[in-house]
Amino acid sequence: MGIHTYFRSLNDLERIIRTPGKFKFEEHSVSAHSWKVVQYAKTLADIEELNGVTINWKKLYEITSSHDYGEIFIGDIKTPVKHSSLELRSMLQQVEEGMIRHFIEENIPEEFQGIFRRQLREGKDGSLEGLILEVADKMDQVYEAFAELQRGNTEKEFVLMYRHALIKIKNIDLHCVRYFLGHILPDIIEESQISPIDIKGITEEALAQQ
C-alpha cells in the first residue's frame, strides 16, 4: 500500500508493448513512449517560448510524463480502434479514468490523493500544454510508424498510424506545429528516400486532407 505501490506499478509500463499483434522491426513499450513524449514536448514548448508564448512548465511535465499511466489497467488499444468513434473513445476514457481514480483511492495516502488526481488525469485538452502533449504524442506515432515503413514493413497499421498522426498534428494551430511541418517533416521525407515504401506520397496525401 501507499506510494510504494505506485512506484512498483511503473514497471508494468515497461512490459506493455505498443501496437500489439502486428509485426514490428522494433518494439516499443509504453514506458519508452512516455519518455520520448516528454522529450518532444519540451522542445515543442521551447519553440513556443521563442515565439513569445508563456509555458506552464510544471503542468507540461506532469501531463506529458504521466499521460499514458492508465494503460497499466487497459493496455495499449490500437489507434484506429480507439479513434473509430467518439462514443468508443469517450467510453474507453471513462473506464481508464475510473480505474485510475479507484487505484488512487485504494493505494495513495489521503494527503497525496489530490496531487495524484491532478498528475494522472487526461492531459489532452484545449490548454496550450494539453495541445503540446497532443502534438508530442502524435509525433511519436509518426516516428514509430516511419521507422517501420522505412524498413519496408507493409503492415497497413503503420500507414494508418502515420497518416492519422500527421493529419492530427497539422490541424493544431501552434508555432511548434508550423516549425515541425516546415523544418522537421522535410528532413523525415528526405530520409525516406531509401525506403521501398512511398512515404513521401503518403505524407503528401495526409497533408492534403482537410
Protein backbone atom coordinates (compact mmCIF):
# COMPACT_ATOMS: atom_id res chain seq x y z
CA MET A 1 0.00 0.00 0.00
CA GLY A 2 1.00 3.63 -0.25
CA ILE A 3 3.17 5.41 -2.80
CA HIS A 4 5.38 2.32 -2.95
CA THR A 5 2.52 0.62 -4.82
CA TYR A 6 2.54 3.40 -7.41
CA PHE A 7 6.32 3.21 -7.86
CA ARG A 8 6.15 -0.57 -8.24
CA SER A 9 3.35 -0.27 -10.80
CA LEU A 10 5.61 1.75 -13.12
CA ASN A 11 7.41 -1.49 -14.02
CA ASP A 12 4.21 -2.61 -15.76
CA LEU A 13 4.60 0.18 -18.31
CA GLU A 14 7.85 -1.40 -19.45
CA ARG A 15 6.00 -4.62 -20.27
CA ILE A 16 3.11 -3.14 -22.24
CA ILE A 17 4.07 -3.16 -25.92
CA ARG A 18 2.61 -0.59 -28.28
CA THR A 19 0.73 -1.62 -31.44
CA PRO A 20 0.17 -5.19 -30.20
CA GLY A 21 -0.46 -8.05 -32.58
CA LYS A 22 1.40 -6.57 -35.57
CA PHE A 23 4.79 -7.46 -36.97
CA LYS A 24 7.35 -4.82 -36.00
CA PHE A 25 11.05 -4.47 -36.65
CA GLU A 26 11.27 -2.55 -33.37
CA GLU A 27 9.05 -3.00 -30.34
CA HIS A 28 8.32 0.00 -28.14
CA SER A 29 6.99 -0.12 -24.60
CA VAL A 30 4.55 2.40 -23.14
CA SER A 31 7.33 3.46 -20.75
CA ALA A 32 9.71 4.26 -23.62
CA HIS A 33 6.93 6.09 -25.44
CA SER A 34 6.20 8.26 -22.41
CA TRP A 35 9.87 9.22 -22.07
CA LYS A 36 10.05 10.23 -25.74
CA VAL A 37 6.85 12.27 -25.47
CA VAL A 38 8.44 14.30 -22.67
CA GLN A 39 11.48 14.97 -24.87
CA TYR A 40 9.36 16.04 -27.84
CA ALA A 41 7.13 18.21 -25.66
CA LYS A 42 9.93 20.16 -24.01
CA THR A 43 11.42 21.05 -27.42
CA LEU A 44 7.99 21.98 -28.78
CA ALA A 45 7.47 24.17 -25.72
CA ASP A 46 10.87 25.79 -26.27
CA ILE A 47 9.74 26.70 -29.79
CA GLU A 48 6.60 28.26 -28.37
CA GLU A 49 8.66 30.28 -25.87
CA LEU A 50 10.94 31.50 -28.66
CA ASN A 51 7.78 32.89 -30.22
CA GLY A 52 6.82 34.80 -27.07
CA VAL A 53 4.39 32.26 -25.61
CA THR A 54 4.34 31.60 -21.85
CA ILE A 55 4.55 27.93 -20.85
CA ASN A 56 3.38 26.38 -17.58
CA TRP A 57 6.33 24.01 -17.36
CA LYS A 58 5.18 22.24 -14.19
CA LYS A 59 1.86 21.35 -15.80
CA LEU A 60 3.58 20.33 -19.03
CA TYR A 61 5.96 17.92 -17.33
CA GLU A 62 3.19 16.46 -15.18
CA ILE A 63 0.81 15.70 -18.02
CA THR A 64 3.42 14.52 -20.52
CA SER A 65 5.26 12.18 -18.16
CA SER A 66 2.05 10.58 -16.88
CA HIS A 67 -0.25 10.78 -19.90
CA ASP A 68 -0.38 7.04 -20.55
CA TYR A 69 -0.29 5.77 -16.97
CA GLY A 70 -3.85 4.48 -17.35
CA GLU A 71 -2.66 1.91 -19.88
CA ILE A 72 -1.44 -0.11 -16.90
CA PHE A 73 -5.11 -1.01 -16.47
CA ILE A 74 -6.42 -1.25 -20.05
CA GLY A 75 -3.29 -1.87 -22.12
CA ASP A 76 -2.47 -0.19 -25.43
CA ILE A 77 -5.51 -0.09 -27.69
CA LYS A 78 -4.71 0.36 -31.37
CA THR A 79 -5.14 3.92 -32.61
CA PRO A 80 -7.61 3.12 -35.44
CA VAL A 81 -9.81 1.24 -32.98
CA LYS A 82 -9.51 3.82 -30.20
CA HIS A 83 -10.49 6.64 -32.55
CA SER A 84 -13.03 4.76 -34.66
CA SER A 85 -15.85 6.67 -32.98
CA LEU A 86 -16.18 9.49 -30.48
CA GLU A 87 -18.50 7.30 -28.41
CA LEU A 88 -15.96 4.49 -28.12
CA ARG A 89 -13.13 6.90 -27.31
CA SER A 90 -15.28 8.50 -24.60
CA MET A 91 -16.18 5.11 -23.12
CA LEU A 92 -12.55 3.98 -23.03
CA GLN A 93 -11.55 7.24 -21.38
CA GLN A 94 -14.26 6.84 -18.74
CA VAL A 95 -13.08 3.30 -17.97
CA GLU A 96 -9.45 4.41 -17.73
CA GLU A 97 -10.27 7.42 -15.53
CA GLY A 98 -12.45 5.26 -13.28
CA MET A 99 -9.68 2.72 -12.75
CA ILE A 100 -7.12 5.43 -12.04
CA ARG A 101 -9.48 7.02 -9.54
CA HIS A 102 -10.03 3.66 -7.82
CA PHE A 103 -6.28 2.99 -7.75
CA ILE A 104 -5.61 6.37 -6.10
CA GLU A 105 -8.37 5.92 -3.53
CA GLU A 106 -7.19 2.40 -2.65
CA ASN A 107 -3.42 2.95 -2.62
CA ILE A 108 -2.37 6.58 -2.25
CA PRO A 109 -2.26 8.26 1.20
CA GLU A 110 -5.04 10.79 1.55
CA GLU A 111 -2.71 13.79 1.78
CA PHE A 112 -1.31 12.94 -1.68
CA GLN A 113 -4.52 11.96 -3.42
CA GLY A 114 -5.29 15.42 -4.81
CA ILE A 115 -1.79 15.64 -6.27
CA PHE A 116 -2.09 12.24 -7.93
CA ARG A 117 -5.54 13.02 -9.33
CA ARG A 118 -4.10 16.16 -10.94
CA GLN A 119 -0.99 14.46 -12.28
CA LEU A 120 -2.63 11.30 -13.64
CA ARG A 121 -5.61 12.99 -15.27
CA GLU A 122 -6.20 13.07 -19.02
CA GLY A 123 -3.91 15.91 -20.03
CA LYS A 124 -5.04 16.41 -23.63
CA ASP A 125 -7.32 19.42 -23.56
CA GLY A 126 -7.65 22.86 -25.10
CA SER A 127 -4.91 24.41 -22.96
CA LEU A 128 -1.54 25.22 -24.52
CA GLU A 129 0.14 22.47 -22.54
CA GLY A 130 -2.59 19.99 -23.45
CA LEU A 131 -2.19 20.81 -27.14
CA ILE A 132 1.59 20.41 -26.91
CA LEU A 133 1.03 16.99 -25.32
CA GLU A 134 -1.27 16.08 -28.22
CA VAL A 135 1.35 17.10 -30.78
CA ALA A 136 4.16 15.32 -28.92
CA ASP A 137 2.11 12.13 -28.59
CA LYS A 138 1.30 12.14 -32.30
CA MET A 139 4.92 12.92 -33.18
CA ASP A 140 5.98 9.70 -31.51
CA GLN A 141 3.41 7.84 -33.61
CA VAL A 142 4.90 9.49 -36.69
CA TYR A 143 8.42 8.39 -35.74
CA GLU A 144 7.41 4.86 -34.73
CA ALA A 145 5.44 4.34 -37.94
CA PHE A 146 8.15 5.99 -40.06
CA ALA A 147 10.80 3.62 -38.69
CA GLU A 148 8.67 0.63 -39.71
CA LEU A 149 7.73 1.98 -43.15
CA GLN A 150 11.31 2.98 -43.87
CA ARG A 151 12.38 -0.63 -43.36
CA GLY A 152 9.68 -1.88 -45.70
CA ASN A 153 7.12 -3.06 -43.15
CA THR A 154 3.94 -3.39 -45.22
CA GLU A 155 1.57 -3.75 -42.26
CA LYS A 156 -1.34 -1.42 -43.04
CA GLU A 157 -1.48 -0.44 -39.37
CA PHE A 158 1.66 1.69 -39.71
CA VAL A 159 0.43 3.54 -42.78
CA LEU A 160 -2.78 4.35 -40.93
CA MET A 161 -0.85 5.38 -37.81
CA TYR A 162 1.46 7.64 -39.81
CA ARG A 163 -1.40 9.27 -41.74
CA HIS A 164 -3.66 9.73 -38.71
CA ALA A 165 -0.88 11.29 -36.65
CA LEU A 166 0.14 13.74 -39.41
CA ILE A 167 -3.45 14.80 -40.02
CA LYS A 168 -3.97 15.40 -36.30
CA ILE A 169 -0.74 17.39 -35.96
CA LYS A 170 -1.32 19.65 -38.96
CA ASN A 171 -4.75 20.69 -37.67
CA ILE A 172 -3.37 22.04 -34.37
CA ASP A 173 -2.63 25.76 -34.56
CA LEU A 174 0.68 26.22 -32.73
CA HIS A 175 4.05 27.76 -33.60
CA CYS A 176 5.71 24.41 -32.92
CA VAL A 177 3.41 22.65 -35.39
CA ARG A 178 4.35 25.10 -38.12
CA TYR A 179 8.00 24.50 -37.25
CA PHE A 180 7.51 20.73 -37.39
CA LEU A 181 5.80 20.91 -40.77
CA GLY A 182 8.29 23.39 -42.20
CA HIS A 183 11.60 22.15 -40.80
CA ILE A 184 11.35 18.66 -39.27
CA LEU A 185 8.96 16.84 -41.59
CA PRO A 186 11.04 17.73 -44.70
CA ASP A 187 14.01 16.01 -43.05
CA ILE A 188 11.85 12.94 -42.46
CA ILE A 189 10.85 12.93 -46.13
CA GLU A 190 14.47 13.36 -47.20
CA GLU A 191 15.46 10.35 -45.13
CA SER A 192 12.54 8.32 -46.50
CA GLN A 193 14.09 8.19 -49.97
CA ILE A 194 15.88 4.96 -49.04
CA SER A 195 12.58 3.26 -48.20
CA PRO A 196 10.87 0.78 -50.55
CA ILE A 197 7.55 2.33 -49.47
CA ASP A 198 6.43 5.68 -50.91
CA ILE A 199 6.48 7.58 -47.63
CA LYS A 200 6.66 10.92 -49.44
CA GLY A 201 3.44 10.11 -51.28
CA ILE A 202 1.71 9.01 -48.08
CA THR A 203 2.85 12.22 -46.39
CA GLU A 204 1.64 14.48 -49.19
CA GLU A 205 -1.71 12.71 -49.27
CA ALA A 206 -2.13 13.09 -45.48
CA LEU A 207 -1.21 16.79 -45.53
CA ALA A 208 -3.76 17.37 -48.30
CA GLN A 209 -6.57 16.07 -46.07
CA GLN A 210 -8.87 18.69 -44.62
